[in-house]
Every structure is written in C-alpha cells, then in structure tokens.
Protein backbone atom coordinates (compact mmCIF):
# COMPACT_ATOMS: atom_id res chain seq x y z
CA UNK A 1 32.19 -0.59 -7.39
CA UNK A 2 30.16 2.33 -8.70
CA UNK A 3 31.52 5.59 -7.33
CA UNK A 4 30.00 8.19 -9.68
CA UNK A 5 26.55 9.72 -9.36
CA UNK A 6 26.62 10.01 -13.15
CA UNK A 7 26.51 6.25 -13.61
CA UNK A 8 23.52 5.49 -15.90
CA UNK A 9 22.12 2.81 -13.58
CA UNK A 10 22.28 5.16 -10.60
CA UNK A 11 20.68 8.00 -12.58
CA UNK A 12 17.84 5.74 -13.72
CA UNK A 13 17.22 4.49 -10.19
CA UNK A 14 17.29 7.97 -8.69
CA UNK A 15 14.60 9.09 -11.15
CA UNK A 16 12.23 6.53 -9.63
CA UNK A 17 11.71 8.89 -6.70
CA UNK A 18 9.40 10.75 -9.12
CA UNK A 19 5.94 9.47 -9.97
CA UNK A 20 6.20 10.07 -13.72
CA UNK A 21 9.36 7.99 -13.95
CA UNK A 22 7.73 5.14 -12.00
CA UNK A 23 4.65 5.20 -14.20
CA UNK A 24 6.70 5.35 -17.39
CA UNK A 25 9.10 2.56 -16.45
CA UNK A 26 6.80 0.29 -14.42
CA UNK A 27 9.44 0.18 -11.66
CA UNK A 28 9.84 1.44 -8.12
CA UNK A 29 12.38 1.43 -5.28
CA UNK A 30 12.42 -0.86 -2.25
CA UNK A 31 14.79 -0.05 0.58
CA UNK A 32 16.39 -2.46 3.02
CA UNK A 33 16.88 -6.18 3.37
CA UNK A 34 13.44 -6.77 4.87
CA UNK A 35 11.70 -5.03 1.97
CA UNK A 36 13.65 -7.02 -0.61
CA UNK A 37 13.02 -10.24 1.30
CA UNK A 38 9.26 -9.57 1.36
CA UNK A 39 9.30 -8.78 -2.35
CA UNK A 40 11.08 -12.03 -3.20
CA UNK A 41 8.79 -14.09 -0.96
CA UNK A 42 5.75 -12.65 -2.74
CA UNK A 43 7.15 -13.42 -6.18
CA UNK A 44 7.80 -9.79 -7.12
CA UNK A 45 10.52 -9.26 -9.71
CA UNK A 46 13.68 -7.45 -8.56
CA UNK A 47 15.58 -5.97 -11.49
CA UNK A 48 18.63 -4.36 -9.87
CA UNK A 49 19.98 -4.42 -6.33
CA UNK A 50 22.32 -1.65 -5.18
CA UNK A 51 24.30 -2.50 -2.06
CA UNK A 52 27.27 -1.16 -0.13
CA UNK A 53 30.12 -3.62 0.46
CA UNK A 54 29.11 -3.90 4.12
CA UNK A 55 25.48 -4.72 3.29
CA UNK A 56 26.55 -7.16 0.59
CA UNK A 57 28.67 -9.03 3.10
CA UNK A 58 25.88 -9.11 5.65
CA UNK A 59 23.15 -10.23 3.23
CA UNK A 60 24.94 -12.69 0.93
CA UNK A 61 22.07 -15.19 0.89
CA UNK A 62 19.49 -12.50 0.14
CA UNK A 63 21.54 -11.12 -2.73
CA UNK A 64 22.00 -14.65 -4.08
CA UNK A 65 18.22 -15.16 -3.96
CA UNK A 66 17.71 -11.86 -5.77
CA UNK A 67 20.24 -12.89 -8.42
CA UNK A 68 18.47 -16.23 -8.85
CA UNK A 69 15.27 -14.26 -9.46
CA UNK A 70 17.02 -12.32 -12.22
CA UNK A 71 18.29 -9.23 -10.42
CA UNK A 72 21.57 -7.56 -11.32
CA UNK A 73 23.81 -6.72 -8.36
CA UNK A 74 25.53 -3.31 -8.33
CA UNK A 75 28.04 -2.45 -5.60
CA UNK A 76 27.94 1.26 -4.69
CA UNK A 77 29.52 3.60 -2.18
CA UNK A 78 27.70 4.48 1.01
CA UNK A 79 27.13 8.03 -0.27
CA UNK A 80 25.50 6.85 -3.49
CA UNK A 81 23.35 4.40 -1.56
CA UNK A 82 22.25 7.18 0.80
CA UNK A 83 21.25 9.31 -2.19
CA UNK A 84 19.10 6.47 -3.53
CA UNK A 85 17.55 5.64 -0.17
CA UNK A 86 16.59 9.23 0.70
CA UNK A 87 16.48 8.42 4.42
CA UNK A 88 18.47 9.66 7.39
CA UNK A 89 19.63 6.15 8.28
CA UNK A 90 19.94 4.15 5.04
CA UNK A 91 20.10 0.38 5.42
CA UNK A 92 22.80 -0.23 2.84
CA UNK A 93 20.58 -1.85 0.22
CA UNK A 94 18.10 -0.49 -2.34
CA UNK A 95 16.37 -2.59 -5.00
CA UNK A 96 14.65 -1.62 -8.22
CA UNK A 97 11.53 -3.79 -8.45
CA UNK A 98 8.93 -4.22 -11.18
CA UNK A 99 5.60 -2.62 -10.28
CA UNK A 100 3.21 -4.81 -8.30
CA UNK A 101 0.09 -2.62 -8.25
CA UNK A 102 -2.78 -3.32 -10.63
CA UNK A 103 -5.13 -1.02 -12.54
CA UNK A 104 -8.91 -1.18 -12.58
CA UNK A 105 -8.61 -2.97 -15.95
CA UNK A 106 -6.76 -5.78 -14.15
CA UNK A 107 -9.15 -6.12 -11.24
CA UNK A 108 -10.56 -9.42 -12.52
CA UNK A 109 -7.17 -10.88 -13.49
CA UNK A 110 -5.55 -13.67 -11.44
CA UNK A 111 -4.09 -12.05 -8.38
CA UNK A 112 -6.55 -9.16 -8.58
CA UNK A 113 -9.66 -8.75 -6.46
CA UNK A 114 -11.14 -12.11 -5.41
CA UNK A 115 -14.71 -12.96 -6.52
CA UNK A 116 -16.07 -12.96 -2.95
CA UNK A 117 -13.93 -10.81 -0.64
CA UNK A 118 -14.94 -10.12 2.97
CA UNK A 119 -13.15 -6.82 3.53
CA UNK A 120 -11.59 -4.33 1.13
CA UNK A 121 -10.04 -1.00 2.10
CA UNK A 122 -10.48 1.95 -0.29
CA UNK A 123 -8.53 5.22 -0.17
CA UNK A 124 -10.49 7.94 -1.96
CA UNK A 125 -8.38 10.98 -2.77
CA UNK A 126 -5.83 10.30 -0.03
CA UNK A 127 -2.72 12.36 -0.67
CA UNK A 128 -0.22 11.68 2.13
CA UNK A 129 2.14 8.80 1.29
CA UNK A 130 3.02 8.06 4.92
CA UNK A 131 -0.65 7.80 5.86
CA UNK A 132 -1.45 5.69 2.81
CA UNK A 133 1.41 3.27 3.44
CA UNK A 134 0.42 2.93 7.10
CA UNK A 135 -3.19 2.21 6.11
CA UNK A 136 -1.95 -0.49 3.75
CA UNK A 137 0.04 -2.00 6.61
CA UNK A 138 -3.06 -1.96 8.85
CA UNK A 139 -5.20 -3.50 6.09
CA UNK A 140 -2.67 -6.31 5.83
CA UNK A 141 -2.51 -6.76 9.61
CA UNK A 142 -6.27 -7.06 10.03
CA UNK A 143 -6.82 -9.42 7.11
CA UNK A 144 -8.21 -7.24 4.33
CA UNK A 145 -8.51 -9.01 1.00
CA UNK A 146 -7.28 -6.02 -1.01
CA UNK A 147 -6.70 -2.30 -0.96
CA UNK A 148 -7.75 0.10 -3.71
CA UNK A 149 -7.03 3.77 -4.36
CA UNK A 150 -9.09 6.11 -6.51
CA UNK A 151 -7.75 8.32 -9.28
CA UNK A 152 -5.88 11.26 -7.81
CA UNK A 153 -4.75 9.38 -4.72
CA UNK A 154 -1.13 9.04 -3.71
CA UNK A 155 1.09 6.49 -5.44
CA UNK A 156 1.61 3.56 -3.07
CA UNK A 157 4.89 2.76 -4.83
CA UNK A 158 6.40 6.12 -3.89
CA UNK A 159 9.43 5.73 -1.61
CA UNK A 160 7.73 7.13 1.50
CA UNK A 161 4.61 4.99 1.04
CA UNK A 162 6.68 1.86 0.45
CA UNK A 163 8.64 2.49 3.65
CA UNK A 164 5.47 3.14 5.65
CA UNK A 165 3.86 -0.05 4.32
CA UNK A 166 6.78 -2.08 5.71
CA UNK A 167 6.45 -4.95 3.22
CA UNK A 168 2.64 -5.07 3.15
CA UNK A 169 2.62 -3.80 -0.44
CA UNK A 170 3.62 -7.34 -1.39
CA UNK A 171 1.09 -9.15 0.80
CA UNK A 172 -2.27 -8.23 -0.69
CA UNK A 173 -3.60 -7.02 -4.04
CA UNK A 174 -3.50 -3.25 -4.60
CA UNK A 175 -5.74 -1.69 -7.25
CA UNK A 176 -4.29 1.75 -7.92
CA UNK A 177 -5.75 4.95 -9.40
CA UNK A 178 -9.16 3.47 -10.14
CA UNK A 179 -12.00 5.44 -11.66
CA UNK A 180 -14.51 5.58 -8.79
CA UNK A 181 -17.69 4.60 -10.70
CA UNK A 182 -15.96 1.51 -12.11
CA UNK A 183 -14.43 0.62 -8.77
CA UNK A 184 -17.74 1.06 -6.92
CA UNK A 185 -19.51 -1.13 -9.48
CA UNK A 186 -16.86 -3.84 -9.18
CA UNK A 187 -17.13 -3.81 -5.38
CA UNK A 188 -20.93 -3.98 -5.45
CA UNK A 189 -20.81 -6.80 -8.01
CA UNK A 190 -18.80 -8.78 -5.46
CA UNK A 191 -21.52 -8.33 -2.87
CA UNK A 192 -19.73 -5.69 -0.79
CA UNK A 193 -21.48 -2.97 1.18
CA UNK A 194 -19.79 0.40 0.68
CA UNK A 195 -19.22 1.92 4.13
CA UNK A 196 -17.57 5.31 4.40
CA UNK A 197 -15.69 6.74 7.35
CA UNK A 198 -17.00 10.18 8.32
CA UNK A 199 -16.31 11.85 11.70
CA UNK A 200 -19.66 13.67 11.43
CA UNK A 201 -21.81 10.64 10.58
CA UNK A 202 -24.86 9.99 12.76
CA UNK A 203 -24.15 6.26 13.07
CA UNK A 204 -21.12 4.86 14.88
CA UNK A 205 -19.16 1.84 13.73
CA UNK A 206 -21.19 -0.22 16.23
CA UNK A 207 -24.40 0.69 14.40
CA UNK A 208 -23.50 -0.28 10.82
CA UNK A 209 -23.36 -3.87 9.51
CA UNK A 210 -19.60 -4.41 9.54
CA UNK A 211 -20.21 -8.14 10.00
CA UNK A 212 -21.27 -8.32 6.36
CA UNK A 213 -18.75 -8.29 3.50
CA UNK A 214 -17.86 -4.64 3.05
CA UNK A 215 -15.57 -2.10 1.48
CA UNK A 216 -14.32 0.46 3.99
CA UNK A 217 -13.89 3.79 2.21
CA UNK A 218 -11.67 6.52 3.68
CA UNK A 219 -11.34 10.02 2.29
CA UNK A 220 -8.73 12.75 2.07
CA UNK A 221 -6.94 13.75 5.26
CA UNK A 222 -8.18 17.36 5.13
CA UNK A 223 -11.35 17.26 3.05
CA UNK A 224 -12.88 13.89 3.79
CA UNK A 225 -14.86 11.83 1.30
CA UNK A 226 -15.39 13.35 -2.17
CA UNK A 227 -19.06 14.08 -2.92
CA UNK A 228 -19.30 11.62 -5.87
CA UNK A 229 -17.94 8.87 -3.61
CA UNK A 230 -20.20 9.79 -0.71
CA UNK A 231 -23.26 9.63 -2.97
CA UNK A 232 -22.63 5.96 -3.80
CA UNK A 233 -22.10 4.69 -0.25
CA UNK A 234 -24.55 2.43 1.54
CA UNK A 235 -23.58 3.67 5.02
CA UNK A 236 -21.53 6.35 6.75
CA UNK A 237 -19.98 5.65 10.12
CA UNK A 238 -17.87 7.45 12.69
CA UNK A 239 -15.60 6.27 15.46
CA UNK A 240 -16.98 7.29 18.86
CA UNK A 241 -14.50 9.36 20.85
CA UNK A 242 -14.52 9.49 24.62
CA UNK A 243 -11.51 11.69 25.28
CA UNK A 244 -10.61 15.26 24.42
CA UNK A 245 -8.58 14.79 21.21
CA UNK A 246 -10.01 16.84 18.36
CA UNK A 247 -9.71 13.94 15.93
CA UNK A 248 -7.66 10.94 14.81
CA UNK A 249 -5.44 11.09 11.78
CA UNK A 250 -6.32 8.98 8.77
CA UNK A 251 -3.98 6.10 9.52
CA UNK A 252 -5.11 5.77 13.16
CA UNK A 253 -8.80 5.94 12.22
CA UNK A 254 -8.31 3.40 9.45
CA UNK A 255 -6.59 0.95 11.77
CA UNK A 256 -9.43 1.13 14.31
CA UNK A 257 -12.07 0.75 11.60
CA UNK A 258 -10.30 -2.20 9.99
CA UNK A 259 -9.92 -3.91 13.36
CA UNK A 260 -13.59 -3.31 14.22
CA UNK A 261 -14.67 -4.83 10.91
CA UNK A 262 -12.36 -7.85 11.19
CA UNK A 263 -13.48 -8.48 14.77
CA UNK A 264 -17.18 -8.33 13.92
CA UNK A 265 -16.77 -10.64 10.97
CA UNK A 266 -14.82 -13.17 13.01
CA UNK A 267 -17.39 -13.12 15.79
CA UNK A 268 -20.11 -13.98 13.27
CA UNK A 269 -18.09 -16.72 11.55
CA UNK A 270 -16.55 -18.27 14.65
CA UNK A 271 -13.08 -16.96 13.95
CA UNK A 272 -13.06 -17.61 10.19
CA UNK A 273 -13.28 -15.08 7.38
C-alpha cells in the first residue's frame, strides 16, 4: 500500500496532468474502470494501474487483464487516488497508459487515416478540453473514420478531455497537433471535401454536399475558423436556428453537423458507409 504523496510512482503519475510531461513521457492518465476497459479492448498499453483496496476488490478481473497486458498494479490510499484523479467523485482507479494519438508524420501508418475515409472531423485551434473530448465522443458515435487536431489545439490526452471523450479516444484514430497545410493536403489526397462550420455562412448544412466524403472542420470556440484554414476550405456551412438561442457551443454544433453528415451519407448508400 502506497501511503505517501512523495512516492516516485505517484509523483510521476501526478505530473501527467501537465501537457509537457505527457509529451515528454508519451504517457497519459485514464480514470475509472470503464476507461481502462476501453483502453484494453482497443489494444492500448497500460503501464501502471493505481487502485484503492475497495476498487481492487471490485475490479479483480479488470486488474488481472491489465496485468496480463503488462501493467504494474499499485495499491494506494483513497486520498492519493483522489489527488491523481482530480475529480470530485473519483472512481477508485487511475491508469497510466502509453499515448495513443498519432502525429501528422504517422498519418499513413497502419492504424492512421484510412486511404478512403467517408467522414473525418477536424478541430482547428480548439482550446477547451471538455468541448474537444465531447466532440471526439460525438465523432465516434456518428461513425467518423478519424479525428484530427491542428497545431495549437488542446491535447486530447489531457485529463479533462479524456474524461469527456468517455472511452472514444480508443475507438478511432486521432491525428494530433497537425500542421494545417500538411493535414489539408492529406485530406484532399484522400478525396475529401473540406467543409467548415461557420455560423455566418450563407449556405446551410442542407445546401452543401455532405453526402460526399468530407472532412468537417470546426474552429475555436470564441474566434471561429483561423483565416489560413478558412482559405483552403471547399465549402462553409451553418446550422439553421429556429429558436431564440444566440448560438450553440462547439460540442453541440459538432454533434449536429456530424449527425447530419452521417445521415446524408447513409441515405445515399442505403445505410452503408
């Protein structure tokens, strides 16, 4: 049982709340049994699992599966676990997992972006981790082939983004921190239309060709699409609003756009993508 916050393993894990430590070590934190289960099912590599005695007793099979995958099990007090989890209601289990995101240099590698995707979601300069994680979850729910973020966007392996993604980080390829010109070229080379979300666009989502293979590009929560990104897009589209709300937040708008695209593509293909 680890009881000291000065334990080297605990110190190293706690540092992973910071982006520089994650980038330097190639590791990030996953909280809860469901998150660890999703990671194992996807073939991600758990390195260390911290658990309270209560959680260890409740999740014996999961911890055994993590150990079989090479993870080291560390029993910790509830207070130390709460410090690692950084949530109001910690779930008793936190895992250190090897990074699963890919760089633009790995986009063509096995497990990267498929040669002929139908729908890719792109976050261009998005800074809020909760929004970004929720968009990733929506992209997974509506059948996107991958999600990509541009340089300067939030780290999808940050604790808040991982929690918001609710396991979807392990379900589809994520290309992180990509240089926009290279990413745009790679998307176009795969036959994708680049369609940007803009609340001030003339065309609505019903008036752009979402039935074709496309990359849906969403900009920063406050400032929208960066000008260099906007200049490369084939279409801009807005969601029509019929009520009195000033606007939708990024995650809500992304979910509607992703659903609209998936629906149109399935109507054209008879339910197949």
